[in-house]
Amino acid sequence: MAKVTAKKTTKKPTLYNIFMKDELAKIKKDKPGMNHKEAFKLAAANWSKSPQNPKTKK
């Protein structure tokens, strides 16, 4: 008997995921020589101050 596989659903991206994707693209465009690790650190620091971050709205 064939195994029945369930349809895999993908999770919706979180606000953080959306922000990081856009922010990384912007940083890499502005500073093309910056490596990914440094760009990610900068994007994460920007997230902590971003108005899109629900934790900064307190």
PDB file of N, CA and C in Angstrom:
ATOM      1  N   MET A   1       0.846  -1.169   0.000  1.00  0.00           N
ATOM      2  CA  MET A   1       0.000   0.000   0.000  1.00  0.00           C
ATOM      3  C   MET A   1       0.901   1.244   0.000  1.00  0.00           C
ATOM      4  N   ALA A   2       0.543   2.227  -0.779  1.00  0.00           N
ATOM      5  CA  ALA A   2       1.322   3.463  -0.880  1.00  0.00           C
ATOM      6  C   ALA A   2       1.090   4.336   0.345  1.00  0.00           C
ATOM      7  N   LYS A   3       2.154   4.979   0.749  1.00  0.00           N
ATOM      8  CA  LYS A   3       2.055   5.898   1.886  1.00  0.00           C
ATOM      9  C   LYS A   3       1.368   7.187   1.450  1.00  0.00           C
ATOM     10  N   VAL A   4       0.484   7.667   2.261  1.00  0.00           N
ATOM     11  CA  VAL A   4      -0.191   8.929   1.973  1.00  0.00           C
ATOM     12  C   VAL A   4       0.609  10.033   2.654  1.00  0.00           C
ATOM     13  N   THR A   5       1.037  10.989   1.860  1.00  0.00           N
ATOM     14  CA  THR A   5       1.803  12.094   2.433  1.00  0.00           C
ATOM     15  C   THR A   5       0.910  13.316   2.572  1.00  0.00           C
ATOM     16  N   ALA A   6       1.067  13.972   3.657  1.00  0.00           N
ATOM     17  CA  ALA A   6       0.288  15.184   3.909  1.00  0.00           C
ATOM     18  C   ALA A   6       0.905  16.342   3.140  1.00  0.00           C
ATOM     19  N   LYS A   7       0.066  17.245   2.730  1.00  0.00           N
ATOM     20  CA  LYS A   7       0.561  18.443   2.055  1.00  0.00           C
ATOM     21  C   LYS A   7       1.318  19.295   3.051  1.00  0.00           C
ATOM     22  N   LYS A   8       2.503  19.692   2.684  1.00  0.00           N
ATOM     23  CA  LYS A   8       3.280  20.548   3.575  1.00  0.00           C
ATOM     24  C   LYS A   8       2.878  21.998   3.344  1.00  0.00           C
ATOM     25  N   THR A   9       2.611  22.665   4.423  1.00  0.00           N
ATOM     26  CA  THR A   9       2.272  24.077   4.314  1.00  0.00           C
ATOM     27  C   THR A   9       3.467  24.896   4.773  1.00  0.00           C
ATOM     28  N   THR A  10       3.649  26.013   4.151  1.00  0.00           N
ATOM     29  CA  THR A  10       4.744  26.887   4.553  1.00  0.00           C
ATOM     30  C   THR A  10       4.200  27.950   5.491  1.00  0.00           C
ATOM     31  N   LYS A  11       5.017  28.269   6.476  1.00  0.00           N
ATOM     32  CA  LYS A  11       4.603  29.297   7.432  1.00  0.00           C
ATOM     33  C   LYS A  11       4.710  30.666   6.783  1.00  0.00           C
ATOM     34  N   LYS A  12       3.839  31.548   7.212  1.00  0.00           N
ATOM     35  CA  LYS A  12       3.887  32.929   6.757  1.00  0.00           C
ATOM     36  C   LYS A  12       5.123  33.583   7.357  1.00  0.00           C
ATOM     37  N   PRO A  13       5.852  34.392   6.581  1.00  0.00           N
ATOM     38  CA  PRO A  13       7.019  35.069   7.165  1.00  0.00           C
ATOM     39  C   PRO A  13       6.599  36.044   8.265  1.00  0.00           C
ATOM     40  N   THR A  14       7.405  36.110   9.296  1.00  0.00           N
ATOM     41  CA  THR A  14       7.123  37.014  10.407  1.00  0.00           C
ATOM     42  C   THR A  14       7.542  38.430  10.027  1.00  0.00           C
ATOM     43  N   LEU A  15       7.162  39.394  10.850  1.00  0.00           N
ATOM     44  CA  LEU A  15       7.584  40.779  10.618  1.00  0.00           C
ATOM     45  C   LEU A  15       9.111  40.862  10.588  1.00  0.00           C
ATOM     46  N   TYR A  16       9.760  40.104  11.471  1.00  0.00           N
ATOM     47  CA  TYR A  16      11.226  40.074  11.527  1.00  0.00           C
ATOM     48  C   TYR A  16      11.802  39.546  10.213  1.00  0.00           C
ATOM     49  N   ASN A  17      11.247  38.448   9.703  1.00  0.00           N
ATOM     50  CA  ASN A  17      11.735  37.869   8.454  1.00  0.00           C
ATOM     51  C   ASN A  17      11.609  38.853   7.295  1.00  0.00           C
ATOM     52  N   ILE A  18      10.475  39.506   7.215  1.00  0.00           N
ATOM     53  CA  ILE A  18      10.239  40.469   6.136  1.00  0.00           C
ATOM     54  C   ILE A  18      11.205  41.646   6.257  1.00  0.00           C
ATOM     55  N   PHE A  19      11.345  42.176   7.474  1.00  0.00           N
ATOM     56  CA  PHE A  19      12.242  43.301   7.709  1.00  0.00           C
ATOM     57  C   PHE A  19      13.674  42.928   7.345  1.00  0.00           C
ATOM     58  N   MET A  20      14.133  41.765   7.824  1.00  0.00           N
ATOM     59  CA  MET A  20      15.521  41.358   7.591  1.00  0.00           C
ATOM     60  C   MET A  20      15.803  41.163   6.103  1.00  0.00           C
ATOM     61  N   LYS A  21      14.871  40.588   5.375  1.00  0.00           N
ATOM     62  CA  LYS A  21      15.058  40.383   3.938  1.00  0.00           C
ATOM     63  C   LYS A  21      15.247  41.726   3.230  1.00  0.00           C
ATOM     64  N   ASP A  22      14.362  42.676   3.525  1.00  0.00           N
ATOM     65  CA  ASP A  22      14.439  43.994   2.901  1.00  0.00           C
ATOM     66  C   ASP A  22      15.679  44.762   3.358  1.00  0.00           C
ATOM     67  N   GLU A  23      15.955  44.699   4.653  1.00  0.00           N
ATOM     68  CA  GLU A  23      17.076  45.447   5.225  1.00  0.00           C
ATOM     69  C   GLU A  23      18.414  44.914   4.718  1.00  0.00           C
ATOM     70  N   LEU A  24      18.557  43.590   4.631  1.00  0.00           N
ATOM     71  CA  LEU A  24      19.797  43.011   4.111  1.00  0.00           C
ATOM     72  C   LEU A  24      20.026  43.429   2.664  1.00  0.00           C
ATOM     73  N   ALA A  25      18.968  43.418   1.869  1.00  0.00           N
ATOM     74  CA  ALA A  25      19.085  43.829   0.471  1.00  0.00           C
ATOM     75  C   ALA A  25      19.525  45.287   0.378  1.00  0.00           C
ATOM     76  N   LYS A  26      18.943  46.140   1.225  1.00  0.00           N
ATOM     77  CA  LYS A  26      19.286  47.563   1.218  1.00  0.00           C
ATOM     78  C   LYS A  26      20.744  47.775   1.647  1.00  0.00           C
ATOM     79  N   ILE A  27      21.166  47.081   2.699  1.00  0.00           N
ATOM     80  CA  ILE A  27      22.534  47.231   3.204  1.00  0.00           C
ATOM     81  C   ILE A  27      23.540  46.745   2.166  1.00  0.00           C
ATOM     82  N   LYS A  28      23.265  45.593   1.553  1.00  0.00           N
ATOM     83  CA  LYS A  28      24.199  45.044   0.564  1.00  0.00           C
ATOM     84  C   LYS A  28      24.271  45.928  -0.684  1.00  0.00           C
ATOM     85  N   LYS A  29      23.175  46.618  -1.002  1.00  0.00           N
ATOM     86  CA  LYS A  29      23.186  47.534  -2.142  1.00  0.00           C
ATOM     87  C   LYS A  29      24.031  48.769  -1.812  1.00  0.00           C
ATOM     88  N   ASP A  30      23.866  49.297  -0.589  1.00  0.00           N
ATOM     89  CA  ASP A  30      24.604  50.484  -0.175  1.00  0.00           C
ATOM     90  C   ASP A  30      26.084  50.200   0.079  1.00  0.00           C
ATOM     91  N   LYS A  31      26.383  49.014   0.607  1.00  0.00           N
ATOM     92  CA  LYS A  31      27.763  48.644   0.948  1.00  0.00           C
ATOM     93  C   LYS A  31      28.084  47.277   0.349  1.00  0.00           C
ATOM     94  N   PRO A  32      28.354  47.226  -0.960  1.00  0.00           N
ATOM     95  CA  PRO A  32      28.547  45.931  -1.621  1.00  0.00           C
ATOM     96  C   PRO A  32      29.774  45.152  -1.130  1.00  0.00           C
ATOM     97  N   GLY A  33      30.761  45.809  -0.553  1.00  0.00           N
ATOM     98  CA  GLY A  33      31.955  45.120  -0.080  1.00  0.00           C
ATOM     99  C   GLY A  33      31.787  44.466   1.282  1.00  0.00           C
ATOM    100  N   MET A  34      30.700  44.761   1.978  1.00  0.00           N
ATOM    101  CA  MET A  34      30.483  44.229   3.330  1.00  0.00           C
ATOM    102  C   MET A  34      30.107  42.749   3.248  1.00  0.00           C
ATOM    103  N   ASN A  35      30.726  41.937   4.120  1.00  0.00           N
ATOM    104  CA  ASN A  35      30.380  40.513   4.094  1.00  0.00           C
ATOM    105  C   ASN A  35      29.010  40.286   4.738  1.00  0.00           C
ATOM    106  N   HIS A  36      28.465  39.098   4.515  1.00  0.00           N
ATOM    107  CA  HIS A  36      27.098  38.800   4.954  1.00  0.00           C
ATOM    108  C   HIS A  36      26.956  38.868   6.474  1.00  0.00           C
ATOM    109  N   LYS A  37      27.948  38.369   7.180  1.00  0.00           N
ATOM    110  CA  LYS A  37      27.871  38.342   8.646  1.00  0.00           C
ATOM    111  C   LYS A  37      27.764  39.758   9.214  1.00  0.00           C
ATOM    112  N   GLU A  38      28.585  40.670   8.716  1.00  0.00           N
ATOM    113  CA  GLU A  38      28.553  42.056   9.184  1.00  0.00           C
ATOM    114  C   GLU A  38      27.245  42.744   8.785  1.00  0.00           C
ATOM    115  N   ALA A  39      26.783  42.477   7.566  1.00  0.00           N
ATOM    116  CA  ALA A  39      25.523  43.066   7.103  1.00  0.00           C
ATOM    117  C   ALA A  39      24.360  42.570   7.959  1.00  0.00           C
ATOM    118  N   PHE A  40      24.392  41.301   8.340  1.00  0.00           N
ATOM    119  CA  PHE A  40      23.330  40.735   9.169  1.00  0.00           C
ATOM    120  C   PHE A  40      23.335  41.363  10.554  1.00  0.00           C
ATOM    121  N   LYS A  41      24.530  41.591  11.110  1.00  0.00           N
ATOM    122  CA  LYS A  41      24.638  42.242  12.422  1.00  0.00           C
ATOM    123  C   LYS A  41      24.037  43.644  12.374  1.00  0.00           C
ATOM    124  N   LEU A  42      24.352  44.385  11.313  1.00  0.00           N
ATOM    125  CA  LEU A  42      23.839  45.740  11.158  1.00  0.00           C
ATOM    126  C   LEU A  42      22.313  45.728  10.995  1.00  0.00           C
ATOM    127  N   ALA A  43      21.811  44.794  10.200  1.00  0.00           N
ATOM    128  CA  ALA A  43      20.362  44.686   9.998  1.00  0.00           C
ATOM    129  C   ALA A  43      19.660  44.334  11.310  1.00  0.00           C
ATOM    130  N   ALA A  44      20.249  43.446  12.093  1.00  0.00           N
ATOM    131  CA  ALA A  44      19.657  43.061  13.381  1.00  0.00           C
ATOM    132  C   ALA A  44      19.645  44.244  14.346  1.00  0.00           C
ATOM    133  N   ALA A  45      20.707  45.046  14.325  1.00  0.00           N
ATOM    134  CA  ALA A  45      20.747  46.238  15.172  1.00  0.00           C
ATOM    135  C   ALA A  45      19.667  47.230  14.735  1.00  0.00           C
ATOM    136  N   ASN A  46      19.468  47.345  13.433  1.00  0.00           N
ATOM    137  CA  ASN A  46      18.421  48.234  12.916  1.00  0.00           C
ATOM    138  C   ASN A  46      17.033  47.730  13.312  1.00  0.00           C
ATOM    139  N   TRP A  47      16.847  46.421  13.379  1.00  0.00           N
ATOM    140  CA  TRP A  47      15.567  45.843  13.788  1.00  0.00           C
ATOM    141  C   TRP A  47      15.240  46.225  15.227  1.00  0.00           C
ATOM    142  N   SER A  48      16.247  46.247  16.076  1.00  0.00           N
ATOM    143  CA  SER A  48      15.985  46.545  17.487  1.00  0.00           C
ATOM    144  C   SER A  48      15.477  47.968  17.684  1.00  0.00           C
ATOM    145  N   LYS A  49      15.760  48.860  16.713  1.00  0.00           N
ATOM    146  CA  LYS A  49      15.307  50.252  16.801  1.00  0.00           C
ATOM    147  C   LYS A  49      14.139  50.558  15.863  1.00  0.00           C
ATOM    148  N   SER A  50      13.743  49.580  15.078  1.00  0.00           N
ATOM    149  CA  SER A  50      12.736  49.798  14.043  1.00  0.00           C
ATOM    150  C   SER A  50      11.325  49.968  14.609  1.00  0.00           C
ATOM    151  N   PRO A  51      10.541  50.872  14.030  1.00  0.00           N
ATOM    152  CA  PRO A  51       9.141  51.007  14.454  1.00  0.00           C
ATOM    153  C   PRO A  51       8.298  49.788  14.042  1.00  0.00           C
ATOM    154  N   GLN A  52       8.796  48.973  13.116  1.00  0.00           N
ATOM    155  CA  GLN A  52       8.090  47.759  12.702  1.00  0.00           C
ATOM    156  C   GLN A  52       8.202  46.658  13.756  1.00  0.00           C
ATOM    157  N   ASN A  53       9.173  46.784  14.648  1.00  0.00           N
ATOM    158  CA  ASN A  53       9.388  45.799  15.699  1.00  0.00           C
ATOM    159  C   ASN A  53       8.333  45.997  16.787  1.00  0.00           C
ATOM    160  N   PRO A  54       7.497  44.993  17.044  1.00  0.00           N
ATOM    161  CA  PRO A  54       6.446  45.160  18.059  1.00  0.00           C
ATOM    162  C   PRO A  54       6.997  45.380  19.465  1.00  0.00           C
ATOM    163  N   LYS A  55       8.206  44.964  19.742  1.00  0.00           N
ATOM    164  CA  LYS A  55       8.780  45.130  21.080  1.00  0.00           C
ATOM    165  C   LYS A  55       9.257  46.557  21.340  1.00  0.00           C
ATOM    166  N   THR A  56       9.431  47.362  20.292  1.00  0.00           N
ATOM    167  CA  THR A  56       9.857  48.748  20.489  1.00  0.00           C
ATOM    168  C   THR A  56       8.669  49.684  20.666  1.00  0.00           C
ATOM    169  N   LYS A  57       7.472  49.167  20.540  1.00  0.00           N
ATOM    170  CA  LYS A  57       6.264  50.001  20.639  1.00  0.00           C
ATOM    171  C   LYS A  57       5.770  50.164  22.066  1.00  0.00           C
ATOM    172  N   LYS A  58       6.484  49.646  23.026  1.00  0.00           N
ATOM    173  CA  LYS A  58       6.057  49.718  24.431  1.00  0.00           C
ATOM    174  C   LYS A  58       6.073  51.121  24.959  1.00  0.00           C
TER     175      LYS A  58
END
